[in-house]
Amino acid sequence: MRPIVVSLILAFALPAATVHSARAEEPGNLWQVETSMEMAGMKMPGQSQQVCAPVASEGPEALAGGDSECTMSNVKRSSGKFSYDVSCPQGSGSGEMVYQGKDSYTSKMTMTTDGQTMTMVTRGKRVGVCDASQMKKRVVAAQAQADASMAQMCDSMVDTLMPGNLQTYNCDPKYKKALCDKFGTKEGFGIVAPRKPMGQPALDSGTLPEVAKYCGVDANALRSRFCTDAKKSEDLEFLGASCPAESQVIAQRECAGRSFSSPPAPKYNAFCGTYARAVMQTGSGDDAPQAPNTPSNSPVNPAGDAVQEGAKKLKGLLGF
């Protein structure tokens, strides 16, 4: 499903079909439509396009393009005047349309979405004839293009494991399943686990606690399973990024207390550098889980002290 502004533009300002067709399958009136929007005190530049409506039709439904995710209801008609309610996936509102004779009209529609009000003003003028059947084909093509773009956007949210954006764009429920299936893999967990809160809801929706909550799974159970497997396979990259408890044990054994004369084994060199950087960025080893049998409130933390001391030595050893 597309955002509300896209829905409205698709609904009320579709390009016209072929004009002055000698063999029109469905005779239509060609309207030049100028639309301007105002939202949150900002005026958006007006857009001018052409819309083809069947000759026998008039009113807001005739100029709405037919196939759209915005639907109209409660349409009331009087002499040359129409009022209606409109509902879109991300908001709803009402509008009024007034014809000035047969060749021009004005329309004003007010929508509310996410607590904000948007006003769209449209002015139309009949400028010729057209083939209304071609317009309908263009509606289908335009909607298919919009749907493809939205599907691509939802796919990207799955790839990056950002559930907040799936909700923002009202992606189909199948994308939630795809995102949660990916989160349940080592690859997906490895993407999410290192993320830190940024103070922005959309970004923070991709942190480990939020993704786990969104998918209804136990983050600690996932971490335990993946970290146990990574430890068995000595996947140091995954351990360093996603398994703080296991990383601390390895760092204490392979990194702490090293010097130029006794550097880490080559296979642990990159791991020790990454771990030391993490310790220095936090200023201490407090973010890492305590070593076994070491109370968290103990005034002395031998494992943490050893790691920090090792980090100091690694700073010179690894050149950072």
Protein backbone atom coordinates (compact mmCIF):
# COMPACT_ATOMS: atom_id res chain seq x y z
CA MET A 1 0.00 0.00 0.00
CA ARG A 2 1.26 3.40 -0.90
CA PRO A 3 1.59 6.48 1.32
CA ILE A 4 -1.40 8.81 1.37
CA VAL A 5 0.02 11.57 -0.83
CA VAL A 6 0.88 9.06 -3.54
CA SER A 7 -2.61 7.61 -3.27
CA LEU A 8 -4.24 10.99 -3.68
CA ILE A 9 -2.10 12.02 -6.62
CA LEU A 10 -2.76 8.70 -8.31
CA ALA A 11 -6.45 9.04 -7.60
CA PHE A 12 -7.03 12.63 -8.64
CA ALA A 13 -4.32 13.57 -11.10
CA LEU A 14 -3.70 10.70 -13.50
CA PRO A 15 -2.24 11.48 -16.91
CA ALA A 16 -4.68 11.58 -19.79
CA ALA A 17 -5.03 9.04 -22.53
CA THR A 18 -4.62 9.69 -26.24
CA VAL A 19 -6.44 12.88 -27.21
CA HIS A 20 -8.72 13.30 -30.23
CA SER A 21 -8.66 9.63 -31.10
CA ALA A 22 -10.53 9.01 -34.34
CA ARG A 23 -11.62 5.58 -33.13
CA ALA A 24 -12.24 6.13 -29.44
CA GLU A 25 -13.53 2.99 -27.77
CA GLU A 26 -15.21 5.07 -25.07
CA PRO A 27 -15.77 8.81 -25.72
CA GLY A 28 -14.48 11.01 -22.94
CA ASN A 29 -13.96 14.62 -21.90
CA LEU A 30 -10.38 15.75 -21.43
CA TRP A 31 -9.83 17.92 -18.34
CA GLN A 32 -6.80 20.04 -17.53
CA VAL A 33 -6.40 19.66 -13.77
CA GLU A 34 -4.29 21.88 -11.54
CA THR A 35 -3.75 20.65 -7.99
CA SER A 36 -2.06 22.34 -5.04
CA MET A 37 -1.51 21.01 -1.50
CA GLU A 38 -0.93 22.57 1.89
CA MET A 39 0.20 20.62 4.94
CA ALA A 40 1.64 21.67 8.31
CA GLY A 41 1.75 25.28 7.18
CA MET A 42 3.76 24.47 4.05
CA LYS A 43 2.42 24.89 0.53
CA MET A 44 3.58 22.40 -2.03
CA PRO A 45 4.07 23.54 -5.63
CA GLY A 46 0.99 23.00 -7.77
CA GLN A 47 0.88 20.24 -10.35
CA SER A 48 -0.89 20.42 -13.68
CA GLN A 49 -2.00 17.26 -15.46
CA GLN A 50 -4.76 15.99 -17.69
CA VAL A 51 -7.52 13.56 -16.77
CA CYS A 52 -9.87 11.79 -19.14
CA ALA A 53 -13.41 11.12 -17.85
CA PRO A 54 -16.23 9.35 -19.71
CA VAL A 55 -18.64 11.77 -21.38
CA ALA A 56 -21.65 10.45 -19.50
CA SER A 57 -20.07 10.83 -16.05
CA GLU A 58 -19.42 13.75 -13.76
CA GLY A 59 -18.54 14.42 -10.15
CA PRO A 60 -15.61 13.34 -7.97
CA GLU A 61 -15.88 9.63 -8.80
CA ALA A 62 -15.50 10.33 -12.51
CA LEU A 63 -12.24 12.21 -11.99
CA ALA A 64 -10.82 9.90 -9.32
CA GLY A 65 -9.37 7.41 -11.76
CA GLY A 66 -11.58 4.53 -10.70
CA ASP A 67 -9.04 2.06 -9.35
CA SER A 68 -7.34 3.51 -6.28
CA GLU A 69 -6.78 2.69 -2.64
CA CYS A 70 -8.62 5.90 -1.78
CA THR A 71 -12.36 5.25 -1.75
CA MET A 72 -15.29 7.70 -1.72
CA SER A 73 -18.51 7.39 0.20
CA ASN A 74 -21.50 9.44 1.29
CA VAL A 75 -21.51 11.30 -2.03
CA LYS A 76 -24.29 13.91 -2.06
CA ARG A 77 -25.40 15.64 -5.24
CA SER A 78 -27.23 18.87 -5.88
CA SER A 79 -27.31 21.18 -8.88
CA GLY A 80 -23.68 21.29 -10.04
CA LYS A 81 -22.36 20.55 -6.56
CA PHE A 82 -21.03 17.44 -4.87
CA SER A 83 -19.87 16.66 -1.34
CA TYR A 84 -18.25 13.43 -0.28
CA ASP A 85 -16.16 11.57 2.29
CA VAL A 86 -12.86 9.96 1.33
CA SER A 87 -10.88 7.21 3.01
CA CYS A 88 -7.29 6.17 2.28
CA PRO A 89 -5.05 3.62 4.04
CA GLN A 90 -3.30 6.32 6.08
CA GLY A 91 -6.08 8.83 6.68
CA SER A 92 -9.58 10.08 5.95
CA GLY A 93 -11.39 13.32 5.26
CA SER A 94 -14.06 15.03 3.21
CA GLY A 95 -14.37 17.22 0.14
CA GLU A 96 -16.60 19.39 -1.98
CA MET A 97 -16.70 19.81 -5.74
CA VAL A 98 -18.51 22.60 -7.60
CA TYR A 99 -19.02 22.85 -11.37
CA GLN A 100 -19.04 26.22 -13.11
CA GLY A 101 -21.16 25.28 -16.11
CA LYS A 102 -20.07 22.21 -18.06
CA ASP A 103 -16.49 23.22 -18.76
CA SER A 104 -14.88 23.95 -15.38
CA TYR A 105 -14.99 23.00 -11.74
CA THR A 106 -13.23 23.60 -8.41
CA SER A 107 -12.67 21.06 -5.67
CA LYS A 108 -11.36 21.24 -2.11
CA MET A 109 -10.53 18.18 -0.04
CA THR A 110 -9.28 18.05 3.56
CA MET A 111 -7.52 14.95 4.90
CA THR A 112 -6.22 14.08 8.36
CA THR A 113 -3.33 11.65 8.71
CA ASP A 114 -1.01 11.01 11.66
CA GLY A 115 -2.55 13.96 13.49
CA GLN A 116 -1.80 16.39 10.66
CA THR A 117 -4.26 18.04 8.30
CA MET A 118 -3.67 18.30 4.58
CA THR A 119 -5.74 20.40 2.20
CA MET A 120 -5.79 19.76 -1.54
CA VAL A 121 -7.35 22.30 -3.91
CA THR A 122 -8.08 21.30 -7.50
CA ARG A 123 -9.22 23.38 -10.45
CA GLY A 124 -10.32 21.70 -13.65
CA LYS A 125 -11.08 22.97 -17.16
CA ARG A 126 -12.43 20.93 -20.06
CA VAL A 127 -9.99 21.23 -22.98
CA GLY A 128 -11.11 18.60 -25.48
CA VAL A 129 -12.12 15.00 -26.05
CA CYS A 130 -10.30 11.75 -25.37
CA ASP A 131 -10.61 7.98 -25.27
CA ALA A 132 -11.75 7.09 -21.75
CA SER A 133 -10.91 3.41 -22.25
CA GLN A 134 -7.24 4.30 -22.63
CA MET A 135 -7.39 6.27 -19.40
CA LYS A 136 -8.59 3.17 -17.56
CA LYS A 137 -5.65 1.20 -18.92
CA ARG A 138 -3.30 3.91 -17.69
CA VAL A 139 -4.89 3.73 -14.26
CA VAL A 140 -4.11 0.01 -14.09
CA ALA A 141 -0.53 0.58 -15.31
CA ALA A 142 0.04 3.43 -12.86
CA GLN A 143 -1.26 1.41 -9.95
CA ALA A 144 0.87 -1.59 -10.95
CA GLN A 145 3.93 0.66 -11.03
CA ALA A 146 3.10 2.13 -7.62
CA ASP A 147 2.54 -1.35 -6.18
CA ALA A 148 5.88 -2.53 -7.57
CA SER A 149 7.67 0.45 -6.00
CA MET A 150 5.99 -0.20 -2.67
CA ALA A 151 6.90 -3.90 -2.82
CA GLN A 152 10.51 -2.94 -3.46
CA MET A 153 10.46 -0.60 -0.47
CA CYS A 154 8.95 -3.27 1.78
CA ASP A 155 11.56 -5.77 0.59
CA SER A 156 14.29 -3.33 1.60
CA MET A 157 12.79 -3.08 5.10
CA VAL A 158 13.00 -6.86 5.38
CA ASP A 159 16.61 -6.86 4.17
CA THR A 160 17.61 -4.24 6.75
CA LEU A 161 15.38 -5.66 9.51
CA MET A 162 13.57 -2.39 10.25
CA PRO A 163 10.03 -3.32 11.37
CA GLY A 164 9.06 0.28 12.18
CA ASN A 165 9.18 1.15 8.50
CA LEU A 166 7.04 -1.86 7.62
CA GLN A 167 4.37 -0.34 9.83
CA THR A 168 4.91 3.18 8.49
CA TYR A 169 4.30 2.05 4.93
CA ASN A 170 1.55 -0.43 5.82
CA CYS A 171 3.37 -3.27 4.12
CA ASP A 172 1.49 -6.52 3.57
CA PRO A 173 1.62 -8.95 6.54
CA LYS A 174 3.76 -11.31 4.47
CA TYR A 175 6.67 -8.91 4.91
CA LYS A 176 6.45 -9.22 8.69
CA LYS A 177 6.75 -12.98 8.35
CA ALA A 178 9.72 -12.58 6.01
CA LEU A 179 11.43 -10.15 8.40
CA CYS A 180 10.89 -12.40 11.42
CA ASP A 181 12.05 -15.47 9.50
CA LYS A 182 15.27 -13.63 8.63
CA PHE A 183 15.71 -12.45 12.22
CA GLY A 184 15.54 -16.09 13.28
CA THR A 185 18.69 -16.86 11.26
CA LYS A 186 22.29 -16.32 12.32
CA GLU A 187 22.71 -13.76 9.55
CA GLY A 188 19.66 -11.75 10.61
CA PHE A 189 20.50 -11.90 14.32
CA GLY A 190 24.03 -10.74 13.49
CA ILE A 191 22.62 -7.67 11.74
CA VAL A 192 20.39 -6.67 14.65
CA ALA A 193 22.41 -7.61 17.75
CA PRO A 194 25.14 -4.91 17.54
CA ARG A 195 22.70 -2.01 17.05
CA LYS A 196 22.49 0.67 19.73
CA PRO A 197 19.49 2.96 20.36
CA MET A 198 19.71 6.22 18.42
CA GLY A 199 16.77 8.08 19.94
CA GLN A 200 14.81 7.85 16.67
CA PRO A 201 11.75 5.55 16.71
CA ALA A 202 12.14 4.30 13.13
CA LEU A 203 15.80 3.38 13.66
CA ASP A 204 15.34 2.08 17.19
CA SER A 205 12.67 -0.32 15.93
CA GLY A 206 15.60 -2.27 14.48
CA THR A 207 17.38 -2.84 17.80
CA LEU A 208 17.47 -6.32 19.31
CA PRO A 209 14.82 -5.82 22.03
CA GLU A 210 12.39 -4.16 19.61
CA VAL A 211 12.78 -6.68 16.78
CA ALA A 212 12.42 -9.55 19.25
CA LYS A 213 9.27 -7.96 20.66
CA TYR A 214 7.88 -7.34 17.16
CA CYS A 215 8.46 -10.97 16.20
CA GLY A 216 7.38 -12.39 19.55
CA VAL A 217 10.59 -14.32 20.22
CA ASP A 218 13.05 -14.62 23.10
CA ALA A 219 16.17 -12.62 22.19
CA ASN A 220 18.26 -14.26 24.91
CA ALA A 221 17.37 -17.74 23.70
CA LEU A 222 18.33 -16.80 20.13
CA ARG A 223 21.60 -15.27 21.30
CA SER A 224 22.45 -18.35 23.36
CA ARG A 225 21.82 -20.69 20.44
CA PHE A 226 23.73 -18.67 17.85
CA CYS A 227 26.63 -17.84 20.17
CA THR A 228 27.00 -21.49 21.18
CA ASP A 229 27.15 -22.48 17.51
CA ALA A 230 29.60 -19.65 16.73
CA LYS A 231 31.84 -20.71 19.60
CA LYS A 232 31.93 -24.30 18.34
CA SER A 233 32.78 -23.16 14.81
CA GLU A 234 35.14 -20.41 16.07
CA ASP A 235 33.27 -17.76 14.11
CA LEU A 236 35.21 -14.91 15.70
CA GLU A 237 33.53 -12.21 13.62
CA PHE A 238 30.07 -13.19 14.84
CA LEU A 239 31.26 -13.70 18.42
CA GLY A 240 32.91 -10.29 18.53
CA ALA A 241 29.86 -8.48 17.20
CA SER A 242 27.00 -10.38 18.82
CA CYS A 243 28.24 -12.41 21.81
CA PRO A 244 29.66 -10.19 24.59
CA ALA A 245 29.95 -12.96 27.19
CA GLU A 246 31.86 -15.31 24.91
CA SER A 247 33.93 -12.41 23.55
CA GLN A 248 35.08 -11.44 27.03
CA VAL A 249 36.29 -14.96 27.77
CA ILE A 250 38.20 -15.15 24.47
CA ALA A 251 39.63 -11.66 24.94
CA GLN A 252 40.83 -12.48 28.44
CA ARG A 253 42.52 -15.63 27.18
CA GLU A 254 43.90 -14.48 23.81
CA CYS A 255 44.22 -10.68 24.01
CA ALA A 256 44.78 -9.41 27.55
CA GLY A 257 48.38 -8.90 28.69
CA ARG A 258 49.86 -9.25 25.20
CA SER A 259 52.84 -7.18 24.10
CA PHE A 260 55.09 -6.71 21.12
CA SER A 261 57.10 -9.73 22.12
CA SER A 262 54.03 -11.92 22.60
CA PRO A 263 51.31 -10.72 20.21
CA PRO A 264 47.97 -12.51 19.80
CA ALA A 265 47.89 -15.52 17.56
CA PRO A 266 47.26 -14.42 13.97
CA LYS A 267 43.72 -15.83 13.95
CA TYR A 268 42.81 -13.61 16.95
CA ASN A 269 44.55 -10.43 15.79
CA ALA A 270 41.49 -8.84 14.17
CA PHE A 271 39.25 -10.04 16.99
CA CYS A 272 41.49 -8.51 19.67
CA GLY A 273 41.60 -5.20 17.82
CA THR A 274 37.83 -5.05 17.50
CA TYR A 275 37.30 -5.97 21.13
CA ALA A 276 39.86 -3.45 22.38
CA ARG A 277 38.22 -0.68 20.37
CA ALA A 278 34.84 -1.57 21.86
CA VAL A 279 36.26 -1.42 25.39
CA MET A 280 37.89 1.96 24.77
CA GLN A 281 34.74 3.38 23.17
CA THR A 282 32.69 2.54 26.26
CA GLY A 283 35.47 3.65 28.59
CA SER A 284 35.29 0.43 30.60
CA GLY A 285 34.36 -3.20 30.47
CA ASP A 286 31.08 -2.56 32.27
CA ASP A 287 28.96 -3.24 29.21
CA ALA A 288 30.33 -6.75 28.91
CA PRO A 289 28.81 -9.50 31.05
CA GLN A 290 30.68 -10.39 34.23
CA ALA A 291 32.97 -13.38 34.26
CA PRO A 292 31.51 -16.51 35.87
CA ASN A 293 31.40 -16.48 39.67
CA THR A 294 32.17 -12.74 39.78
CA PRO A 295 29.35 -10.76 41.46
CA SER A 296 28.21 -7.77 39.41
CA ASN A 297 28.47 -5.50 42.45
CA SER A 298 31.97 -6.68 43.44
CA PRO A 299 34.43 -3.78 43.91
CA VAL A 300 37.08 -5.87 42.16
CA ASN A 301 36.50 -7.34 38.72
CA PRO A 302 39.65 -9.29 37.78
CA ALA A 303 38.36 -10.26 34.36
CA GLY A 304 37.31 -6.72 33.51
CA ASP A 305 40.59 -5.31 34.82
CA ALA A 306 42.54 -7.78 32.78
CA VAL A 307 40.64 -6.94 29.63
CA GLN A 308 41.06 -3.20 30.15
CA GLU A 309 44.76 -3.64 30.81
CA GLY A 310 45.01 -5.76 27.72
CA ALA A 311 43.18 -3.08 25.75
CA LYS A 312 45.76 -0.51 26.80
CA LYS A 313 48.59 -2.72 25.60
CA LEU A 314 46.73 -3.60 22.41
CA LYS A 315 46.30 0.09 21.67
CA GLY A 316 50.01 0.31 20.97
CA LEU A 317 50.34 -3.15 19.57
CA LEU A 318 47.65 -2.81 16.91
CA GLY A 319 48.21 0.85 16.09
CA PHE A 320 45.01 2.59 17.21
